């Protein structure tokens, strides 16, 4: 999943969102090199029933997958409490 800085996202928002919608691209958004968000499509995959929605198990599996993805690039010396404190300053 490519990383994109907040400045690049701001400068190219329309093209990036179009890429997410049309190509189903996923991006990790960074602020000063630190991952802060994931940009991904919210529409159902082809073949999925939009009326049915997502089941609880599907949502938890996706959250676990995203958590693992974020932890891969998380600085080992920073815990979540420190990260939240830093964000609030």
PDB file of N, CA and C in Angstrom:
ATOM      1  N   UNK A   1       0.860  -1.162   0.000  1.00  0.00           N
ATOM      2  CA  UNK A   1       0.000   0.000   0.000  1.00  0.00           C
ATOM      3  C   UNK A   1       0.910   1.230   0.000  1.00  0.00           C
ATOM      4  N   UNK A   2       0.756   2.109  -0.987  1.00  0.00           N
ATOM      5  CA  UNK A   2       1.637   3.276  -1.044  1.00  0.00           C
ATOM      6  C   UNK A   2       1.329   4.278   0.065  1.00  0.00           C
ATOM      7  N   UNK A   3       2.377   4.977   0.476  1.00  0.00           N
ATOM      8  CA  UNK A   3       2.225   6.041   1.469  1.00  0.00           C
ATOM      9  C   UNK A   3       2.134   7.366   0.723  1.00  0.00           C
ATOM     10  N   UNK A   4       1.335   8.281   1.275  1.00  0.00           N
ATOM     11  CA  UNK A   4       1.187   9.599   0.663  1.00  0.00           C
ATOM     12  C   UNK A   4       1.199  10.640   1.778  1.00  0.00           C
ATOM     13  N   UNK A   5       2.034  11.642   1.608  1.00  0.00           N
ATOM     14  CA  UNK A   5       2.104  12.713   2.599  1.00  0.00           C
ATOM     15  C   UNK A   5       0.879  13.608   2.526  1.00  0.00           C
ATOM     16  N   UNK A   6       0.594  14.254   3.625  1.00  0.00           N
ATOM     17  CA  UNK A   6      -0.592  15.107   3.706  1.00  0.00           C
ATOM     18  C   UNK A   6      -0.529  16.252   2.692  1.00  0.00           C
ATOM     19  N   UNK A   7       0.662  16.787   2.431  1.00  0.00           N
ATOM     20  CA  UNK A   7       0.782  17.873   1.448  1.00  0.00           C
ATOM     21  C   UNK A   7       0.476  17.373   0.049  1.00  0.00           C
ATOM     22  N   UNK A   8       0.990  16.190  -0.278  1.00  0.00           N
ATOM     23  CA  UNK A   8       0.711  15.620  -1.603  1.00  0.00           C
ATOM     24  C   UNK A   8      -0.774  15.306  -1.740  1.00  0.00           C
ATOM     25  N   UNK A   9      -1.384  14.795  -0.664  1.00  0.00           N
ATOM     26  CA  UNK A   9      -2.820  14.522  -0.685  1.00  0.00           C
ATOM     27  C   UNK A   9      -3.604  15.804  -0.932  1.00  0.00           C
ATOM     28  N   UNK A  10      -3.222  16.870  -0.251  1.00  0.00           N
ATOM     29  CA  UNK A  10      -3.920  18.147  -0.419  1.00  0.00           C
ATOM     30  C   UNK A  10      -3.780  18.673  -1.849  1.00  0.00           C
ATOM     31  N   UNK A  11      -2.570  18.563  -2.395  1.00  0.00           N
ATOM     32  CA  UNK A  11      -2.320  19.098  -3.733  1.00  0.00           C
ATOM     33  C   UNK A  11      -2.999  18.290  -4.828  1.00  0.00           C
ATOM     34  N   UNK A  12      -3.182  16.990  -4.591  1.00  0.00           N
ATOM     35  CA  UNK A  12      -3.713  16.105  -5.636  1.00  0.00           C
ATOM     36  C   UNK A  12      -4.964  15.366  -5.191  1.00  0.00           C
ATOM     37  N   UNK A  13      -5.748  15.964  -4.303  1.00  0.00           N
ATOM     38  CA  UNK A  13      -6.895  15.279  -3.709  1.00  0.00           C
ATOM     39  C   UNK A  13      -7.862  14.717  -4.745  1.00  0.00           C
ATOM     40  N   UNK A  14      -8.223  15.481  -5.733  1.00  0.00           N
ATOM     41  CA  UNK A  14      -9.198  15.012  -6.726  1.00  0.00           C
ATOM     42  C   UNK A  14      -8.694  13.778  -7.464  1.00  0.00           C
ATOM     43  N   UNK A  15      -7.455  13.829  -7.919  1.00  0.00           N
ATOM     44  CA  UNK A  15      -6.893  12.695  -8.665  1.00  0.00           C
ATOM     45  C   UNK A  15      -6.753  11.467  -7.773  1.00  0.00           C
ATOM     46  N   UNK A  16      -6.362  11.666  -6.524  1.00  0.00           N
ATOM     47  CA  UNK A  16      -6.174  10.541  -5.605  1.00  0.00           C
ATOM     48  C   UNK A  16      -7.509   9.905  -5.269  1.00  0.00           C
ATOM     49  N   UNK A  17      -8.514  10.711  -4.968  1.00  0.00           N
ATOM     50  CA  UNK A  17      -9.838  10.161  -4.657  1.00  0.00           C
ATOM     51  C   UNK A  17     -10.410   9.448  -5.877  1.00  0.00           C
ATOM     52  N   UNK A  18     -10.195   9.995  -7.051  1.00  0.00           N
ATOM     53  CA  UNK A  18     -10.639   9.331  -8.275  1.00  0.00           C
ATOM     54  C   UNK A  18      -9.960   7.972  -8.409  1.00  0.00           C
ATOM     55  N   UNK A  19      -8.663   7.915  -8.119  1.00  0.00           N
ATOM     56  CA  UNK A  19      -7.913   6.661  -8.164  1.00  0.00           C
ATOM     57  C   UNK A  19      -8.470   5.655  -7.155  1.00  0.00           C
ATOM     58  N   UNK A  20      -8.827   6.128  -5.978  1.00  0.00           N
ATOM     59  CA  UNK A  20      -9.417   5.250  -4.956  1.00  0.00           C
ATOM     60  C   UNK A  20     -10.755   4.704  -5.446  1.00  0.00           C
ATOM     61  N   UNK A  21     -11.561   5.574  -6.034  1.00  0.00           N
ATOM     62  CA  UNK A  21     -12.882   5.154  -6.505  1.00  0.00           C
ATOM     63  C   UNK A  21     -12.785   4.221  -7.710  1.00  0.00           C
ATOM     64  N   UNK A  22     -12.020   4.605  -8.708  1.00  0.00           N
ATOM     65  CA  UNK A  22     -11.988   3.854  -9.967  1.00  0.00           C
ATOM     66  C   UNK A  22     -11.071   2.635  -9.924  1.00  0.00           C
ATOM     67  N   UNK A  23      -9.908   2.777  -9.297  1.00  0.00           N
ATOM     68  CA  UNK A  23      -8.921   1.697  -9.273  1.00  0.00           C
ATOM     69  C   UNK A  23      -8.932   0.915  -7.966  1.00  0.00           C
ATOM     70  N   UNK A  24      -9.788   1.341  -7.023  1.00  0.00           N
ATOM     71  CA  UNK A  24      -9.868   0.722  -5.698  1.00  0.00           C
ATOM     72  C   UNK A  24      -8.514   0.771  -4.994  1.00  0.00           C
ATOM     73  N   UNK A  25      -7.800   1.882  -5.204  1.00  0.00           N
ATOM     74  CA  UNK A  25      -6.481   2.064  -4.595  1.00  0.00           C
ATOM     75  C   UNK A  25      -6.622   2.300  -3.095  1.00  0.00           C
ATOM     76  N   UNK A  26      -5.595   1.944  -2.370  1.00  0.00           N
ATOM     77  CA  UNK A  26      -5.512   2.169  -0.928  1.00  0.00           C
ATOM     78  C   UNK A  26      -4.246   2.985  -0.674  1.00  0.00           C
ATOM     79  N   UNK A  27      -4.310   3.922   0.255  1.00  0.00           N
ATOM     80  CA  UNK A  27      -3.155   4.742   0.603  1.00  0.00           C
ATOM     81  C   UNK A  27      -3.037   4.841   2.119  1.00  0.00           C
ATOM     82  N   UNK A  28      -1.804   4.871   2.605  1.00  0.00           N
ATOM     83  CA  UNK A  28      -1.539   5.230   3.995  1.00  0.00           C
ATOM     84  C   UNK A  28      -1.167   6.706   3.970  1.00  0.00           C
ATOM     85  N   UNK A  29      -1.919   7.516   4.676  1.00  0.00           N
ATOM     86  CA  UNK A  29      -1.662   8.955   4.728  1.00  0.00           C
ATOM     87  C   UNK A  29      -0.706   9.217   5.883  1.00  0.00           C
ATOM     88  N   UNK A  30       0.357   9.984   5.603  1.00  0.00           N
ATOM     89  CA  UNK A  30       1.355  10.261   6.633  1.00  0.00           C
ATOM     90  C   UNK A  30       1.406  11.751   6.955  1.00  0.00           C
ATOM     91  N   UNK A  31       1.780  12.039   8.170  1.00  0.00           N
ATOM     92  CA  UNK A  31       2.008  13.401   8.629  1.00  0.00           C
ATOM     93  C   UNK A  31       3.412  13.429   9.206  1.00  0.00           C
ATOM     94  N   UNK A  32       4.293  14.148   8.545  1.00  0.00           N
ATOM     95  CA  UNK A  32       5.715  14.190   8.923  1.00  0.00           C
ATOM     96  C   UNK A  32       6.313  12.790   8.980  1.00  0.00           C
ATOM     97  N   UNK A  33       5.901  11.952   8.030  1.00  0.00           N
ATOM     98  CA  UNK A  33       6.444  10.602   7.920  1.00  0.00           C
ATOM     99  C   UNK A  33       5.775   9.560   8.800  1.00  0.00           C
ATOM    100  N   UNK A  34       4.855   9.981   9.656  1.00  0.00           N
ATOM    101  CA  UNK A  34       4.168   9.056  10.557  1.00  0.00           C
ATOM    102  C   UNK A  34       2.798   8.708   9.990  1.00  0.00           C
ATOM    103  N   UNK A  35       2.473   7.422   9.860  1.00  0.00           N
ATOM    104  CA  UNK A  35       1.149   7.034   9.370  1.00  0.00           C
ATOM    105  C   UNK A  35       0.052   7.533  10.309  1.00  0.00           C
ATOM    106  N   UNK A  36      -0.972   8.192   9.737  1.00  0.00           N
ATOM    107  CA  UNK A  36      -2.059   8.733  10.554  1.00  0.00           C
ATOM    108  C   UNK A  36      -3.446   8.294  10.074  1.00  0.00           C
ATOM    109  N   UNK A  37      -3.529   7.798   8.848  1.00  0.00           N
ATOM    110  CA  UNK A  37      -4.850   7.431   8.317  1.00  0.00           C
ATOM    111  C   UNK A  37      -4.686   6.471   7.144  1.00  0.00           C
ATOM    112  N   UNK A  38      -5.784   5.826   6.808  1.00  0.00           N
ATOM    113  CA  UNK A  38      -5.835   4.968   5.631  1.00  0.00           C
ATOM    114  C   UNK A  38      -6.948   5.485   4.741  1.00  0.00           C
ATOM    115  N   UNK A  39      -6.632   5.653   3.485  1.00  0.00           N
ATOM    116  CA  UNK A  39      -7.611   6.104   2.493  1.00  0.00           C
ATOM    117  C   UNK A  39      -7.930   4.903   1.625  1.00  0.00           C
ATOM    118  N   UNK A  40      -9.202   4.496   1.617  1.00  0.00           N
ATOM    119  CA  UNK A  40      -9.606   3.315   0.860  1.00  0.00           C
ATOM    120  C   UNK A  40     -11.057   3.450   0.425  1.00  0.00           C
ATOM    121  N   UNK A  41     -11.460   2.695  -0.593  1.00  0.00           N
ATOM    122  CA  UNK A  41     -12.848   2.790  -1.058  1.00  0.00           C
ATOM    123  C   UNK A  41     -13.821   2.218  -0.039  1.00  0.00           C
ATOM    124  N   UNK A  42     -15.028   2.767  -0.020  1.00  0.00           N
ATOM    125  CA  UNK A  42     -16.051   2.275   0.894  1.00  0.00           C
ATOM    126  C   UNK A  42     -17.168   1.535   0.178  1.00  0.00           C
ATOM    127  N   UNK A  43     -17.172   1.576  -1.138  1.00  0.00           N
ATOM    128  CA  UNK A  43     -18.225   0.881  -1.873  1.00  0.00           C
ATOM    129  C   UNK A  43     -17.941  -0.619  -1.881  1.00  0.00           C
ATOM    130  N   UNK A  44     -18.986  -1.427  -2.032  1.00  0.00           N
ATOM    131  CA  UNK A  44     -18.796  -2.877  -2.012  1.00  0.00           C
ATOM    132  C   UNK A  44     -17.983  -3.370  -3.203  1.00  0.00           C
ATOM    133  N   UNK A  45     -17.318  -4.469  -3.007  1.00  0.00           N
ATOM    134  CA  UNK A  45     -16.579  -5.098  -4.092  1.00  0.00           C
ATOM    135  C   UNK A  45     -17.544  -5.652  -5.129  1.00  0.00           C
ATOM    136  N   UNK A  46     -17.108  -5.788  -6.390  1.00  0.00           N
ATOM    137  CA  UNK A  46     -17.984  -6.380  -7.404  1.00  0.00           C
ATOM    138  C   UNK A  46     -18.462  -7.762  -6.952  1.00  0.00           C
ATOM    139  N   UNK A  47     -19.738  -8.006  -7.114  1.00  0.00           N
ATOM    140  CA  UNK A  47     -20.302  -9.288  -6.701  1.00  0.00           C
ATOM    141  C   UNK A  47     -20.881  -9.273  -5.302  1.00  0.00           C
ATOM    142  N   UNK A  48     -20.568  -8.243  -4.505  1.00  0.00           N
ATOM    143  CA  UNK A  48     -21.142  -8.141  -3.166  1.00  0.00           C
ATOM    144  C   UNK A  48     -22.523  -7.503  -3.258  1.00  0.00           C
ATOM    145  N   UNK A  49     -23.379  -7.869  -2.362  1.00  0.00           N
ATOM    146  CA  UNK A  49     -24.728  -7.322  -2.322  1.00  0.00           C
ATOM    147  C   UNK A  49     -24.731  -6.083  -1.431  1.00  0.00           C
ATOM    148  N   UNK A  50     -24.877  -4.876  -2.012  1.00  0.00           N
ATOM    149  CA  UNK A  50     -24.844  -3.666  -1.183  1.00  0.00           C
ATOM    150  C   UNK A  50     -25.988  -3.591  -0.184  1.00  0.00           C
ATOM    151  N   UNK A  51     -27.083  -4.285  -0.471  1.00  0.00           N
ATOM    152  CA  UNK A  51     -28.215  -4.291   0.458  1.00  0.00           C
ATOM    153  C   UNK A  51     -27.870  -5.072   1.731  1.00  0.00           C
ATOM    154  N   UNK A  52     -27.036  -6.071   1.561  1.00  0.00           N
ATOM    155  CA  UNK A  52     -26.686  -6.935   2.685  1.00  0.00           C
ATOM    156  C   UNK A  52     -25.720  -6.237   3.636  1.00  0.00           C
ATOM    157  N   UNK A  53     -24.854  -5.400   3.108  1.00  0.00           N
ATOM    158  CA  UNK A  53     -23.855  -4.731   3.940  1.00  0.00           C
ATOM    159  C   UNK A  53     -22.766  -5.696   4.357  1.00  0.00           C
ATOM    160  N   UNK A  54     -21.990  -5.280   5.316  1.00  0.00           N
ATOM    161  CA  UNK A  54     -20.898  -6.099   5.815  1.00  0.00           C
ATOM    162  C   UNK A  54     -21.321  -6.735   7.130  1.00  0.00           C
ATOM    163  N   UNK A  55     -20.965  -7.985   7.313  1.00  0.00           N
ATOM    164  CA  UNK A  55     -21.245  -8.661   8.575  1.00  0.00           C
ATOM    165  C   UNK A  55     -20.227  -8.258   9.628  1.00  0.00           C
ATOM    166  N   UNK A  56     -20.572  -8.482  10.885  1.00  0.00           N
ATOM    167  CA  UNK A  56     -19.664  -8.134  11.974  1.00  0.00           C
ATOM    168  C   UNK A  56     -18.310  -8.810  11.819  1.00  0.00           C
ATOM    169  N   UNK A  57     -18.313 -10.078  11.406  1.00  0.00           N
ATOM    170  CA  UNK A  57     -17.049 -10.802  11.251  1.00  0.00           C
ATOM    171  C   UNK A  57     -16.190 -10.158  10.169  1.00  0.00           C
ATOM    172  N   UNK A  58     -16.803  -9.746   9.069  1.00  0.00           N
ATOM    173  CA  UNK A  58     -16.053  -9.108   7.992  1.00  0.00           C
ATOM    174  C   UNK A  58     -15.423  -7.802   8.466  1.00  0.00           C
ATOM    175  N   UNK A  59     -16.165  -7.038   9.239  1.00  0.00           N
ATOM    176  CA  UNK A  59     -15.658  -5.765   9.734  1.00  0.00           C
ATOM    177  C   UNK A  59     -14.470  -5.999  10.659  1.00  0.00           C
ATOM    178  N   UNK A  60     -14.585  -6.955  11.588  1.00  0.00           N
ATOM    179  CA  UNK A  60     -13.479  -7.228  12.503  1.00  0.00           C
ATOM    180  C   UNK A  60     -12.257  -7.748  11.760  1.00  0.00           C
ATOM    181  N   UNK A  61     -12.462  -8.602  10.769  1.00  0.00           N
ATOM    182  CA  UNK A  61     -11.324  -9.110   9.977  1.00  0.00           C
ATOM    183  C   UNK A  61     -10.614  -7.973   9.270  1.00  0.00           C
ATOM    184  N   UNK A  62     -11.389  -7.047   8.706  1.00  0.00           N
ATOM    185  CA  UNK A  62     -10.795  -5.905   8.010  1.00  0.00           C
ATOM    186  C   UNK A  62     -10.050  -4.998   8.993  1.00  0.00           C
ATOM    187  N   UNK A  63     -10.628  -4.757  10.168  1.00  0.00           N
ATOM    188  CA  UNK A  63      -9.947  -3.940  11.170  1.00  0.00           C
ATOM    189  C   UNK A  63      -8.651  -4.599  11.635  1.00  0.00           C
ATOM    190  N   UNK A  64      -8.673  -5.903  11.824  1.00  0.00           N
ATOM    191  CA  UNK A  64      -7.464  -6.624  12.219  1.00  0.00           C
ATOM    192  C   UNK A  64      -6.407  -6.548  11.120  1.00  0.00           C
ATOM    193  N   UNK A  65      -6.834  -6.665   9.870  1.00  0.00           N
ATOM    194  CA  UNK A  65      -5.891  -6.577   8.751  1.00  0.00           C
ATOM    195  C   UNK A  65      -5.256  -5.191   8.697  1.00  0.00           C
ATOM    196  N   UNK A  66      -6.079  -4.156   8.848  1.00  0.00           N
ATOM    197  CA  UNK A  66      -5.560  -2.787   8.819  1.00  0.00           C
ATOM    198  C   UNK A  66      -4.639  -2.515  10.013  1.00  0.00           C
ATOM    199  N   UNK A  67      -5.004  -3.045  11.182  1.00  0.00           N
ATOM    200  CA  UNK A  67      -4.158  -2.887  12.358  1.00  0.00           C
ATOM    201  C   UNK A  67      -2.787  -3.512  12.146  1.00  0.00           C
ATOM    202  N   UNK A  68      -2.764  -4.704  11.561  1.00  0.00           N
ATOM    203  CA  UNK A  68      -1.491  -5.367  11.271  1.00  0.00           C
ATOM    204  C   UNK A  68      -0.684  -4.559  10.260  1.00  0.00           C
ATOM    205  N   UNK A  69      -1.358  -4.015   9.266  1.00  0.00           N
ATOM    206  CA  UNK A  69      -0.679  -3.210   8.254  1.00  0.00           C
ATOM    207  C   UNK A  69      -0.048  -1.961   8.872  1.00  0.00           C
ATOM    208  N   UNK A  70      -0.802  -1.288   9.730  1.00  0.00           N
ATOM    209  CA  UNK A  70      -0.272  -0.091  10.384  1.00  0.00           C
ATOM    210  C   UNK A  70       0.877  -0.434  11.330  1.00  0.00           C
ATOM    211  N   UNK A  71       0.777  -1.558  12.017  1.00  0.00           N
ATOM    212  CA  UNK A  71       1.830  -1.918  12.967  1.00  0.00           C
ATOM    213  C   UNK A  71       3.143  -2.228  12.273  1.00  0.00           C
ATOM    214  N   UNK A  72       3.094  -2.605  10.997  1.00  0.00           N
ATOM    215  CA  UNK A  72       4.324  -2.865  10.255  1.00  0.00           C
ATOM    216  C   UNK A  72       5.188  -1.617  10.140  1.00  0.00           C
ATOM    217  N   UNK A  73       4.571  -0.462  10.027  1.00  0.00           N
ATOM    218  CA  UNK A  73       5.340   0.771   9.852  1.00  0.00           C
ATOM    219  C   UNK A  73       5.357   1.636  11.114  1.00  0.00           C
ATOM    220  N   UNK A  74       4.821   1.119  12.213  1.00  0.00           N
ATOM    221  CA  UNK A  74       4.783   1.869  13.465  1.00  0.00           C
ATOM    222  C   UNK A  74       6.176   1.889  14.089  1.00  0.00           C
ATOM    223  N   UNK A  75       6.668   3.060  14.517  1.00  0.00           N
ATOM    224  CA  UNK A  75       7.989   3.121  15.145  1.00  0.00           C
ATOM    225  C   UNK A  75       8.001   2.297  16.445  1.00  0.00           C
ATOM    226  N   UNK A  76       8.952   1.376  16.600  1.00  0.00           N
ATOM    227  CA  UNK A  76       8.948   0.490  17.767  1.00  0.00           C
ATOM    228  C   UNK A  76       9.125   1.222  19.095  1.00  0.00           C
ATOM    229  N   UNK A  77       9.739   2.398  19.064  1.00  0.00           N
ATOM    230  CA  UNK A  77       9.983   3.117  20.318  1.00  0.00           C
ATOM    231  C   UNK A  77       8.784   3.954  20.767  1.00  0.00           C
ATOM    232  N   UNK A  78       7.697   4.007  19.990  1.00  0.00           N
ATOM    233  CA  UNK A  78       6.547   4.834  20.342  1.00  0.00           C
ATOM    234  C   UNK A  78       5.327   3.963  20.611  1.00  0.00           C
ATOM    235  N   UNK A  79       4.717   4.148  21.793  1.00  0.00           N
ATOM    236  CA  UNK A  79       3.477   3.419  22.076  1.00  0.00           C
ATOM    237  C   UNK A  79       2.279   4.311  21.749  1.00  0.00           C
ATOM    238  N   UNK A  80       1.094   3.750  21.802  1.00  0.00           N
ATOM    239  CA  UNK A  80      -0.101   4.482  21.381  1.00  0.00           C
ATOM    240  C   UNK A  80      -0.409   5.675  22.292  1.00  0.00           C
ATOM    241  N   UNK A  81      -0.104   5.561  23.582  1.00  0.00           N
ATOM    242  CA  UNK A  81      -0.350   6.674  24.505  1.00  0.00           C
ATOM    243  C   UNK A  81       0.538   7.860  24.129  1.00  0.00           C
ATOM    244  N   UNK A  82       1.820   7.587  23.843  1.00  0.00           N
ATOM    245  CA  UNK A  82       2.731   8.664  23.435  1.00  0.00           C
ATOM    246  C   UNK A  82       2.279   9.292  22.115  1.00  0.00           C
ATOM    247  N   UNK A  83       1.823   8.468  21.182  1.00  0.00           N
ATOM    248  CA  UNK A  83       1.369   8.977  19.893  1.00  0.00           C
ATOM    249  C   UNK A  83       0.171   9.902  20.072  1.00  0.00           C
ATOM    250  N   UNK A  84      -0.796   9.504  20.900  1.00  0.00           N
ATOM    251  CA  UNK A  84      -1.965  10.358  21.144  1.00  0.00           C
ATOM    252  C   UNK A  84      -1.574  11.650  21.828  1.00  0.00           C
ATOM    253  N   UNK A  85      -0.657  11.569  22.796  1.00  0.00           N
ATOM    254  CA  UNK A  85      -0.182  12.782  23.467  1.00  0.00           C
ATOM    255  C   UNK A  85       0.458  13.726  22.478  1.00  0.00           C
ATOM    256  N   UNK A  86       1.285  13.192  21.599  1.00  0.00           N
ATOM    257  CA  UNK A  86       1.975  14.016  20.609  1.00  0.00           C
ATOM    258  C   UNK A  86       0.983  14.670  19.657  1.00  0.00           C
ATOM    259  N   UNK A  87      -0.071  13.943  19.273  1.00  0.00           N
ATOM    260  CA  UNK A  87      -1.072  14.475  18.356  1.00  0.00           C
ATOM    261  C   UNK A  87      -1.878  15.609  18.991  1.00  0.00           C
ATOM    262  N   UNK A  88      -2.056  15.577  20.278  1.00  0.00           N
ATOM    263  CA  UNK A  88      -2.884  16.571  20.972  1.00  0.00           C
ATOM    264  C   UNK A  88      -2.157  17.883  21.223  1.00  0.00           C
ATOM    265  N   UNK A  89      -0.856  17.885  21.038  1.00  0.00           N
ATOM    266  CA  UNK A  89      -0.070  19.117  21.293  1.00  0.00           C
ATOM    267  C   UNK A  89      -0.239  20.106  20.195  1.00  0.00           C
TER     268      UNK A  89
END
